[in-house]
Amino acid sequence: EWVVQAIGTAQDGMRGAVQETLTRTPQYPFALFG
């Protein structure tokens, strides 16, 4: 898991910021899955 925060600045100095969470799981956690 990662948490990413980003800021963007417009030409007039106005700023906007957003945040998101990134998650991942093992692609093959099971020896056999039905």
PDB file of all heavy atoms in Angstrom:
ATOM      1  N   GLU A   1       0.839  -1.208   0.000  1.00  0.00           N
ATOM      2  CA  GLU A   1       0.000   0.000   0.000  1.00  0.00           C
ATOM      3  C   GLU A   1       0.870   1.252   0.000  1.00  0.00           C
ATOM      4  O   GLU A   1       1.879   1.323   0.708  1.00  0.00           O
ATOM      5  CB  GLU A   1      -0.920   0.007   1.227  1.00  0.00           C
ATOM      6  CG  GLU A   1      -1.859   1.205   1.297  1.00  0.00           C
ATOM      7  CD  GLU A   1      -2.820   1.135   2.463  1.00  0.00           C
ATOM      8  OE1 GLU A   1      -2.985   0.036   3.040  1.00  0.00           O
ATOM      9  OE2 GLU A   1      -3.411   2.180   2.808  1.00  0.00           O
ATOM     10  N   TRP A   2       0.486   2.212  -0.823  1.00  0.00           N
ATOM     11  CA  TRP A   2       1.089   3.549  -0.856  1.00  0.00           C
ATOM     12  C   TRP A   2      -0.024   4.578  -0.767  1.00  0.00           C
ATOM     13  O   TRP A   2      -1.123   4.364  -1.293  1.00  0.00           O
ATOM     14  CB  TRP A   2       1.839   3.791  -2.163  1.00  0.00           C
ATOM     15  CG  TRP A   2       3.106   3.011  -2.361  1.00  0.00           C
ATOM     16  CD1 TRP A   2       3.202   1.695  -2.721  1.00  0.00           C
ATOM     17  CD2 TRP A   2       4.449   3.488  -2.233  1.00  0.00           C
ATOM     18  NE1 TRP A   2       4.523   1.330  -2.834  1.00  0.00           N
ATOM     19  CE2 TRP A   2       5.313   2.405  -2.535  1.00  0.00           C
ATOM     20  CE3 TRP A   2       5.010   4.718  -1.904  1.00  0.00           C
ATOM     21  CZ2 TRP A   2       6.701   2.532  -2.526  1.00  0.00           C
ATOM     22  CZ3 TRP A   2       6.388   4.839  -1.884  1.00  0.00           C
ATOM     23  CH2 TRP A   2       7.223   3.757  -2.187  1.00  0.00           C
ATOM     24  N   VAL A   3       0.257   5.696  -0.128  1.00  0.00           N
ATOM     25  CA  VAL A   3      -0.623   6.867  -0.176  1.00  0.00           C
ATOM     26  C   VAL A   3       0.123   7.957  -0.940  1.00  0.00           C
ATOM     27  O   VAL A   3       1.259   8.300  -0.588  1.00  0.00           O
ATOM     28  CB  VAL A   3      -1.013   7.361   1.226  1.00  0.00           C
ATOM     29  CG1 VAL A   3      -1.764   8.695   1.131  1.00  0.00           C
ATOM     30  CG2 VAL A   3      -1.889   6.323   1.917  1.00  0.00           C
ATOM     31  N   VAL A   4      -0.502   8.482  -1.992  1.00  0.00           N
ATOM     32  CA  VAL A   4       0.126   9.487  -2.852  1.00  0.00           C
ATOM     33  C   VAL A   4      -0.637  10.802  -2.717  1.00  0.00           C
ATOM     34  O   VAL A   4      -1.872  10.829  -2.832  1.00  0.00           O
ATOM     35  CB  VAL A   4       0.123   9.049  -4.331  1.00  0.00           C
ATOM     36  CG1 VAL A   4       0.909  10.044  -5.184  1.00  0.00           C
ATOM     37  CG2 VAL A   4       0.699   7.645  -4.484  1.00  0.00           C
ATOM     38  N   GLN A   5       0.090  11.894  -2.449  1.00  0.00           N
ATOM     39  CA  GLN A   5      -0.484  13.241  -2.391  1.00  0.00           C
ATOM     40  C   GLN A   5       0.221  14.098  -3.431  1.00  0.00           C
ATOM     41  O   GLN A   5       1.455  14.087  -3.520  1.00  0.00           O
ATOM     42  CB  GLN A   5      -0.296  13.847  -0.996  1.00  0.00           C
ATOM     43  CG  GLN A   5      -1.017  13.094   0.110  1.00  0.00           C
ATOM     44  CD  GLN A   5      -0.732  13.691   1.475  1.00  0.00           C
ATOM     45  OE1 GLN A   5       0.398  14.020   1.799  1.00  0.00           O
ATOM     46  NE2 GLN A   5      -1.779  13.831   2.289  1.00  0.00           N
ATOM     47  N   ALA A   6      -0.544  14.838  -4.204  1.00  0.00           N
ATOM     48  CA  ALA A   6       0.028  15.638  -5.291  1.00  0.00           C
ATOM     49  C   ALA A   6      -0.561  17.042  -5.289  1.00  0.00           C
ATOM     50  O   ALA A   6      -1.746  17.237  -4.995  1.00  0.00           O
ATOM     51  CB  ALA A   6      -0.213  14.970  -6.643  1.00  0.00           C
ATOM     52  N   ILE A   7       0.295  18.036  -5.622  1.00  0.00           N
ATOM     53  CA  ILE A   7      -0.118  19.437  -5.731  1.00  0.00           C
ATOM     54  C   ILE A   7       0.176  19.909  -7.148  1.00  0.00           C
ATOM     55  O   ILE A   7       1.263  19.676  -7.682  1.00  0.00           O
ATOM     56  CB  ILE A   7       0.659  20.338  -4.746  1.00  0.00           C
ATOM     57  CG1 ILE A   7       0.501  19.837  -3.311  1.00  0.00           C
ATOM     58  CG2 ILE A   7       0.196  21.782  -4.846  1.00  0.00           C
ATOM     59  CD1 ILE A   7       1.386  20.581  -2.332  1.00  0.00           C
ATOM     60  N   GLY A   8      -0.794  20.567  -7.755  1.00  0.00           N
ATOM     61  CA  GLY A   8      -0.606  21.197  -9.056  1.00  0.00           C
ATOM     62  C   GLY A   8      -0.814  22.694  -8.938  1.00  0.00           C
ATOM     63  O   GLY A   8      -1.738  23.144  -8.241  1.00  0.00           O
ATOM     64  N   THR A   9       0.043  23.486  -9.583  1.00  0.00           N
ATOM     65  CA  THR A   9      -0.036  24.948  -9.500  1.00  0.00           C
ATOM     66  C   THR A   9      -0.339  25.536 -10.871  1.00  0.00           C
ATOM     67  O   THR A   9       0.366  25.238 -11.849  1.00  0.00           O
ATOM     68  CB  THR A   9       1.281  25.545  -8.971  1.00  0.00           C
ATOM     69  OG1 THR A   9       1.592  24.932  -7.714  1.00  0.00           O
ATOM     70  CG2 THR A   9       1.159  27.047  -8.780  1.00  0.00           C
ATOM     71  N   ALA A  10      -1.405  26.356 -10.955  1.00  0.00           N
ATOM     72  CA  ALA A  10      -1.761  27.023 -12.208  1.00  0.00           C
ATOM     73  C   ALA A  10      -0.858  28.238 -12.415  1.00  0.00           C
ATOM     74  O   ALA A  10      -0.101  28.644 -11.526  1.00  0.00           O
ATOM     75  CB  ALA A  10      -3.226  27.443 -12.183  1.00  0.00           C
ATOM     76  N   GLN A  11      -0.943  28.882 -13.602  1.00  0.00           N
ATOM     77  CA  GLN A  11      -0.073  30.014 -13.930  1.00  0.00           C
ATOM     78  C   GLN A  11      -0.295  31.203 -13.011  1.00  0.00           C
ATOM     79  O   GLN A  11       0.626  31.974 -12.751  1.00  0.00           O
ATOM     80  CB  GLN A  11      -0.279  30.422 -15.392  1.00  0.00           C
ATOM     81  CG  GLN A  11       0.246  29.405 -16.388  1.00  0.00           C
ATOM     82  CD  GLN A  11       0.089  29.871 -17.824  1.00  0.00           C
ATOM     83  OE1 GLN A  11      -0.609  30.856 -18.100  1.00  0.00           O
ATOM     84  NE2 GLN A  11       0.733  29.172 -18.742  1.00  0.00           N
ATOM     85  N   ASP A  12      -1.524  31.362 -12.507  1.00  0.00           N
ATOM     86  CA  ASP A  12      -1.788  32.496 -11.617  1.00  0.00           C
ATOM     87  C   ASP A  12      -1.491  32.169 -10.164  1.00  0.00           C
ATOM     88  O   ASP A  12      -1.807  32.954  -9.264  1.00  0.00           O
ATOM     89  CB  ASP A  12      -3.236  32.961 -11.771  1.00  0.00           C
ATOM     90  CG  ASP A  12      -4.234  31.901 -11.346  1.00  0.00           C
ATOM     91  OD1 ASP A  12      -3.795  30.758 -11.066  1.00  0.00           O
ATOM     92  OD2 ASP A  12      -5.435  32.194 -11.293  1.00  0.00           O
ATOM     93  N   GLY A  13      -0.886  31.007  -9.931  1.00  0.00           N
ATOM     94  CA  GLY A  13      -0.524  30.627  -8.577  1.00  0.00           C
ATOM     95  C   GLY A  13      -1.580  29.831  -7.837  1.00  0.00           C
ATOM     96  O   GLY A  13      -1.322  29.367  -6.720  1.00  0.00           O
ATOM     97  N   MET A  14      -2.775  29.683  -8.425  1.00  0.00           N
ATOM     98  CA  MET A  14      -3.822  28.907  -7.784  1.00  0.00           C
ATOM     99  C   MET A  14      -3.388  27.441  -7.711  1.00  0.00           C
ATOM    100  O   MET A  14      -2.897  26.882  -8.693  1.00  0.00           O
ATOM    101  CB  MET A  14      -5.135  29.015  -8.560  1.00  0.00           C
ATOM    102  CG  MET A  14      -6.304  28.277  -7.921  1.00  0.00           C
ATOM    103  SD  MET A  14      -6.948  29.088  -6.446  1.00  0.00           S
ATOM    104  CE  MET A  14      -7.784  30.499  -7.191  1.00  0.00           C
ATOM    105  N   ARG A  15      -3.575  26.810  -6.537  1.00  0.00           N
ATOM    106  CA  ARG A  15      -3.123  25.439  -6.356  1.00  0.00           C
ATOM    107  C   ARG A  15      -4.304  24.496  -6.115  1.00  0.00           C
ATOM    108  O   ARG A  15      -5.330  24.882  -5.557  1.00  0.00           O
ATOM    109  CB  ARG A  15      -2.147  25.330  -5.177  1.00  0.00           C
ATOM    110  CG  ARG A  15      -0.894  26.171  -5.332  1.00  0.00           C
ATOM    111  CD  ARG A  15       0.167  25.770  -4.305  1.00  0.00           C
ATOM    112  NE  ARG A  15      -0.328  25.846  -2.930  1.00  0.00           N
ATOM    113  CZ  ARG A  15       0.327  25.337  -1.873  1.00  0.00           C
ATOM    114  NH1 ARG A  15       1.478  24.710  -2.067  1.00  0.00           N
ATOM    115  NH2 ARG A  15      -0.165  25.468  -0.657  1.00  0.00           N
ATOM    116  N   GLY A  16      -4.120  23.277  -6.549  1.00  0.00           N
ATOM    117  CA  GLY A  16      -5.077  22.210  -6.269  1.00  0.00           C
ATOM    118  C   GLY A  16      -4.317  20.984  -5.812  1.00  0.00           C
ATOM    119  O   GLY A  16      -3.183  20.754  -6.233  1.00  0.00           O
ATOM    120  N   ALA A  17      -4.902  20.204  -4.928  1.00  0.00           N
ATOM    121  CA  ALA A  17      -4.215  19.030  -4.393  1.00  0.00           C
ATOM    122  C   ALA A  17      -5.175  17.850  -4.320  1.00  0.00           C
ATOM    123  O   ALA A  17      -6.378  18.025  -4.058  1.00  0.00           O
ATOM    124  CB  ALA A  17      -3.631  19.323  -3.013  1.00  0.00           C
ATOM    125  N   VAL A  18      -4.655  16.662  -4.571  1.00  0.00           N
ATOM    126  CA  VAL A  18      -5.457  15.440  -4.533  1.00  0.00           C
ATOM    127  C   VAL A  18      -4.657  14.344  -3.845  1.00  0.00           C
ATOM    128  O   VAL A  18      -3.430  14.414  -3.718  1.00  0.00           O
ATOM    129  CB  VAL A  18      -5.860  14.980  -5.955  1.00  0.00           C
ATOM    130  CG1 VAL A  18      -6.894  15.914  -6.554  1.00  0.00           C
ATOM    131  CG2 VAL A  18      -4.637  14.892  -6.861  1.00  0.00           C
ATOM    132  N   GLN A  19      -5.379  13.316  -3.422  1.00  0.00           N
ATOM    133  CA  GLN A  19      -4.760  12.183  -2.735  1.00  0.00           C
ATOM    134  C   GLN A  19      -5.442  10.908  -3.184  1.00  0.00           C
ATOM    135  O   GLN A  19      -6.646  10.881  -3.444  1.00  0.00           O
ATOM    136  CB  GLN A  19      -4.899  12.353  -1.217  1.00  0.00           C
ATOM    137  CG  GLN A  19      -4.410  11.155  -0.398  1.00  0.00           C
ATOM    138  CD  GLN A  19      -4.565  11.389   1.085  1.00  0.00           C
ATOM    139  OE1 GLN A  19      -4.012  12.330   1.643  1.00  0.00           O
ATOM    140  NE2 GLN A  19      -5.336  10.533   1.755  1.00  0.00           N
ATOM    141  N   GLU A  20      -4.657   9.813  -3.266  1.00  0.00           N
ATOM    142  CA  GLU A  20      -5.233   8.522  -3.574  1.00  0.00           C
ATOM    143  C   GLU A  20      -4.421   7.425  -2.876  1.00  0.00           C
ATOM    144  O   GLU A  20      -3.283   7.650  -2.448  1.00  0.00           O
ATOM    145  CB  GLU A  20      -5.266   8.260  -5.084  1.00  0.00           C
ATOM    146  CG  GLU A  20      -3.907   8.082  -5.722  1.00  0.00           C
ATOM    147  CD  GLU A  20      -3.972   7.906  -7.230  1.00  0.00           C
ATOM    148  OE1 GLU A  20      -5.076   8.069  -7.797  1.00  0.00           O
ATOM    149  OE2 GLU A  20      -2.933   7.616  -7.842  1.00  0.00           O
ATOM    150  N   THR A  21      -5.023   6.259  -2.772  1.00  0.00           N
ATOM    151  CA  THR A  21      -4.366   5.104  -2.170  1.00  0.00           C
ATOM    152  C   THR A  21      -4.137   4.048  -3.239  1.00  0.00           C
ATOM    153  O   THR A  21      -5.034   3.763  -4.043  1.00  0.00           O
ATOM    154  CB  THR A  21      -5.227   4.522  -1.037  1.00  0.00           C
ATOM    155  OG1 THR A  21      -5.422   5.527  -0.029  1.00  0.00           O
ATOM    156  CG2 THR A  21      -4.561   3.312  -0.408  1.00  0.00           C
ATOM    157  N   LEU A  22      -2.939   3.484  -3.257  1.00  0.00           N
ATOM    158  CA  LEU A  22      -2.589   2.418  -4.192  1.00  0.00           C
ATOM    159  C   LEU A  22      -2.385   1.130  -3.398  1.00  0.00           C
ATOM    160  O   LEU A  22      -1.657   1.127  -2.404  1.00  0.00           O
ATOM    161  CB  LEU A  22      -1.311   2.752  -4.959  1.00  0.00           C
ATOM    162  CG  LEU A  22      -1.271   4.098  -5.687  1.00  0.00           C
ATOM    163  CD1 LEU A  22       0.097   4.305  -6.341  1.00  0.00           C
ATOM    164  CD2 LEU A  22      -2.365   4.172  -6.732  1.00  0.00           C
ATOM    165  N   THR A  23      -3.029   0.066  -3.824  1.00  0.00           N
ATOM    166  CA  THR A  23      -2.866  -1.217  -3.159  1.00  0.00           C
ATOM    167  C   THR A  23      -2.615  -2.302  -4.202  1.00  0.00           C
ATOM    168  O   THR A  23      -3.022  -2.184  -5.359  1.00  0.00           O
ATOM    169  CB  THR A  23      -4.111  -1.593  -2.335  1.00  0.00           C
ATOM    170  OG1 THR A  23      -5.267  -1.570  -3.192  1.00  0.00           O
ATOM    171  CG2 THR A  23      -4.324  -0.624  -1.187  1.00  0.00           C
ATOM    172  N   ARG A  24      -1.965  -3.361  -3.780  1.00  0.00           N
ATOM    173  CA  ARG A  24      -1.737  -4.507  -4.665  1.00  0.00           C
ATOM    174  C   ARG A  24      -1.743  -5.784  -3.826  1.00  0.00           C
ATOM    175  O   ARG A  24      -1.507  -5.761  -2.622  1.00  0.00           O
ATOM    176  CB  ARG A  24      -0.413  -4.384  -5.408  1.00  0.00           C
ATOM    177  CG  ARG A  24       0.814  -4.408  -4.506  1.00  0.00           C
ATOM    178  CD  ARG A  24       2.106  -4.340  -5.313  1.00  0.00           C
ATOM    179  NE  ARG A  24       3.280  -4.362  -4.431  1.00  0.00           N
ATOM    180  CZ  ARG A  24       4.534  -4.386  -4.851  1.00  0.00           C
ATOM    181  NH1 ARG A  24       4.781  -4.375  -6.153  1.00  0.00           N
ATOM    182  NH2 ARG A  24       5.536  -4.415  -3.999  1.00  0.00           N
ATOM    183  N   THR A  25      -2.022  -6.882  -4.482  1.00  0.00           N
ATOM    184  CA  THR A  25      -2.014  -8.184  -3.824  1.00  0.00           C
ATOM    185  C   THR A  25      -1.183  -9.136  -4.670  1.00  0.00           C
ATOM    186  O   THR A  25      -0.983  -8.901  -5.867  1.00  0.00           O
ATOM    187  CB  THR A  25      -3.441  -8.740  -3.683  1.00  0.00           C
ATOM    188  OG1 THR A  25      -4.042  -8.821  -4.980  1.00  0.00           O
ATOM    189  CG2 THR A  25      -4.287  -7.854  -2.788  1.00  0.00           C
ATOM    190  N   PRO A  26      -0.690 -10.222  -4.072  1.00  0.00           N
ATOM    191  CA  PRO A  26       0.031 -11.208  -4.873  1.00  0.00           C
ATOM    192  C   PRO A  26      -0.851 -11.734  -6.003  1.00  0.00           C
ATOM    193  O   PRO A  26      -2.052 -11.966  -5.815  1.00  0.00           O
ATOM    194  CB  PRO A  26       0.364 -12.312  -3.867  1.00  0.00           C
ATOM    195  CG  PRO A  26       0.364 -11.636  -2.544  1.00  0.00           C
ATOM    196  CD  PRO A  26      -0.696 -10.583  -2.639  1.00  0.00           C
ATOM    197  N   GLN A  27      -0.272 -11.896  -7.170  1.00  0.00           N
ATOM    198  CA  GLN A  27      -1.047 -12.358  -8.314  1.00  0.00           C
ATOM    199  C   GLN A  27      -1.407 -13.835  -8.179  1.00  0.00           C
ATOM    200  O   GLN A  27      -2.461 -14.270  -8.631  1.00  0.00           O
ATOM    201  CB  GLN A  27      -0.247 -12.136  -9.602  1.00  0.00           C
ATOM    202  CG  GLN A  27      -1.063 -12.296 -10.871  1.00  0.00           C
ATOM    203  CD  GLN A  27      -0.311 -11.780 -12.087  1.00  0.00           C
ATOM    204  OE1 GLN A  27       0.766 -11.223 -11.969  1.00  0.00           O
ATOM    205  NE2 GLN A  27      -0.887 -11.972 -13.261  1.00  0.00           N
ATOM    206  N   TYR A  28      -0.531 -14.588  -7.515  1.00  0.00           N
ATOM    207  CA  TYR A  28      -0.768 -16.020  -7.343  1.00  0.00           C
ATOM    208  C   TYR A  28      -0.513 -16.412  -5.880  1.00  0.00           C
ATOM    209  O   TYR A  28       0.491 -17.046  -5.563  1.00  0.00           O
ATOM    210  CB  TYR A  28       0.130 -16.830  -8.280  1.00  0.00           C
ATOM    211  CG  TYR A  28      -0.026 -16.447  -9.734  1.00  0.00           C
ATOM    212  CD1 TYR A  28       0.982 -15.768 -10.399  1.00  0.00           C
ATOM    213  CD2 TYR A  28      -1.200 -16.737 -10.422  1.00  0.00           C
ATOM    214  CE1 TYR A  28       0.832 -15.403 -11.728  1.00  0.00           C
ATOM    215  CE2 TYR A  28      -1.359 -16.370 -11.748  1.00  0.00           C
ATOM    216  CZ  TYR A  28      -0.337 -15.702 -12.391  1.00  0.00           C
ATOM    217  OH  TYR A  28      -0.495 -15.323 -13.704  1.00  0.00           O
ATOM    218  N   PRO A  29      -1.414 -16.032  -4.966  1.00  0.00           N
ATOM    219  CA  PRO A  29      -1.190 -16.362  -3.554  1.00  0.00           C
ATOM    220  C   PRO A  29      -1.500 -17.819  -3.222  1.00  0.00           C
ATOM    221  O   PRO A  29      -1.138 -18.295  -2.155  1.00  0.00           O
ATOM    222  CB  PRO A  29      -2.151 -15.425  -2.826  1.00  0.00           C
ATOM    223  CG  PRO A  29      -3.261 -15.209  -3.808  1.00  0.00           C
ATOM    224  CD  PRO A  29      -2.624 -15.233  -5.163  1.00  0.00           C
ATOM    225  N   PHE A  30      -2.186 -18.521  -4.140  1.00  0.00           N
ATOM    226  CA  PHE A  30      -2.576 -19.902  -3.887  1.00  0.00           C
ATOM    227  C   PHE A  30      -1.788 -20.840  -4.794  1.00  0.00           C
ATOM    228  O   PHE A  30      -1.551 -20.551  -5.965  1.00  0.00           O
ATOM    229  CB  PHE A  30      -4.074 -20.105  -4.161  1.00  0.00           C
ATOM    230  CG  PHE A  30      -4.975 -19.294  -3.275  1.00  0.00           C
ATOM    231  CD1 PHE A  30      -5.468 -18.072  -3.701  1.00  0.00           C
ATOM    232  CD2 PHE A  30      -5.328 -19.751  -2.015  1.00  0.00           C
ATOM    233  CE1 PHE A  30      -6.297 -17.316  -2.893  1.00  0.00           C
ATOM    234  CE2 PHE A  30      -6.151 -18.997  -1.191  1.00  0.00           C
ATOM    235  CZ  PHE A  30      -6.636 -17.787  -1.627  1.00  0.00           C
ATOM    236  N   ALA A  31      -1.423 -21.990  -4.241  1.00  0.00           N
ATOM    237  CA  ALA A  31      -0.827 -23.015  -5.082  1.00  0.00           C
ATOM    238  C   ALA A  31      -1.861 -23.517  -6.089  1.00  0.00           C
ATOM    239  O   ALA A  31      -1.540 -23.806  -7.242  1.00  0.00           O
ATOM    240  CB  ALA A  31      -0.321 -24.176  -4.222  1.00  0.00           C
ATOM    241  N   LEU A  32      -3.101 -23.593  -5.647  1.00  0.00           N
ATOM    242  CA  LEU A  32      -4.191 -24.017  -6.526  1.00  0.00           C
ATOM    243  C   LEU A  32      -5.457 -23.311  -6.078  1.00  0.00           C
ATOM    244  O   LEU A  32      -5.795 -23.320  -4.889  1.00  0.00           O
ATOM    245  CB  LEU A  32      -4.373 -25.534  -6.456  1.00  0.00           C
ATOM    246  CG  LEU A  32      -5.447 -26.147  -7.360  1.00  0.00           C
ATOM    247  CD1 LEU A  32      -5.107 -25.911  -8.838  1.00  0.00           C
ATOM    248  CD2 LEU A  32      -5.573 -27.640  -7.090  1.00  0.00           C
ATOM    249  N   PHE A  33      -6.141 -22.673  -7.016  1.00  0.00           N
ATOM    250  CA  PHE A  33      -7.387 -21.977  -6.693  1.00  0.00           C
ATOM    251  C   PHE A  33      -8.455 -22.388  -7.682  1.00  0.00           C
ATOM    252  O   PHE A  33      -8.242 -22.351  -8.905  1.00  0.00           O
ATOM    253  CB  PHE A  33      -7.212 -20.459  -6.736  1.00  0.00           C
ATOM    254  CG  PHE A  33      -8.439 -19.717  -6.269  1.00  0.00           C
ATOM    255  CD1 PHE A  33      -8.660 -19.500  -4.914  1.00  0.00           C
ATOM    256  CD2 PHE A  33      -9.385 -19.267  -7.176  1.00  0.00           C
ATOM    257  CE1 PHE A  33      -9.801 -18.840  -4.473  1.00  0.00           C
ATOM    258  CE2 PHE A  33     -10.530 -18.607  -6.753  1.00  0.00           C
ATOM    259  CZ  PHE A  33     -10.743 -18.392  -5.390  1.00  0.00           C
ATOM    260  N   GLY A  34      -9.606 -22.787  -7.168  1.00  0.00           N
ATOM    261  CA  GLY A  34     -10.745 -23.136  -8.004  1.00  0.00           C
ATOM    262  C   GLY A  34     -11.824 -22.088  -7.877  1.00  0.00           C
ATOM    263  O   GLY A  34     -12.357 -21.863  -6.779  1.00  0.00           O
TER     264      GLY A  34
END
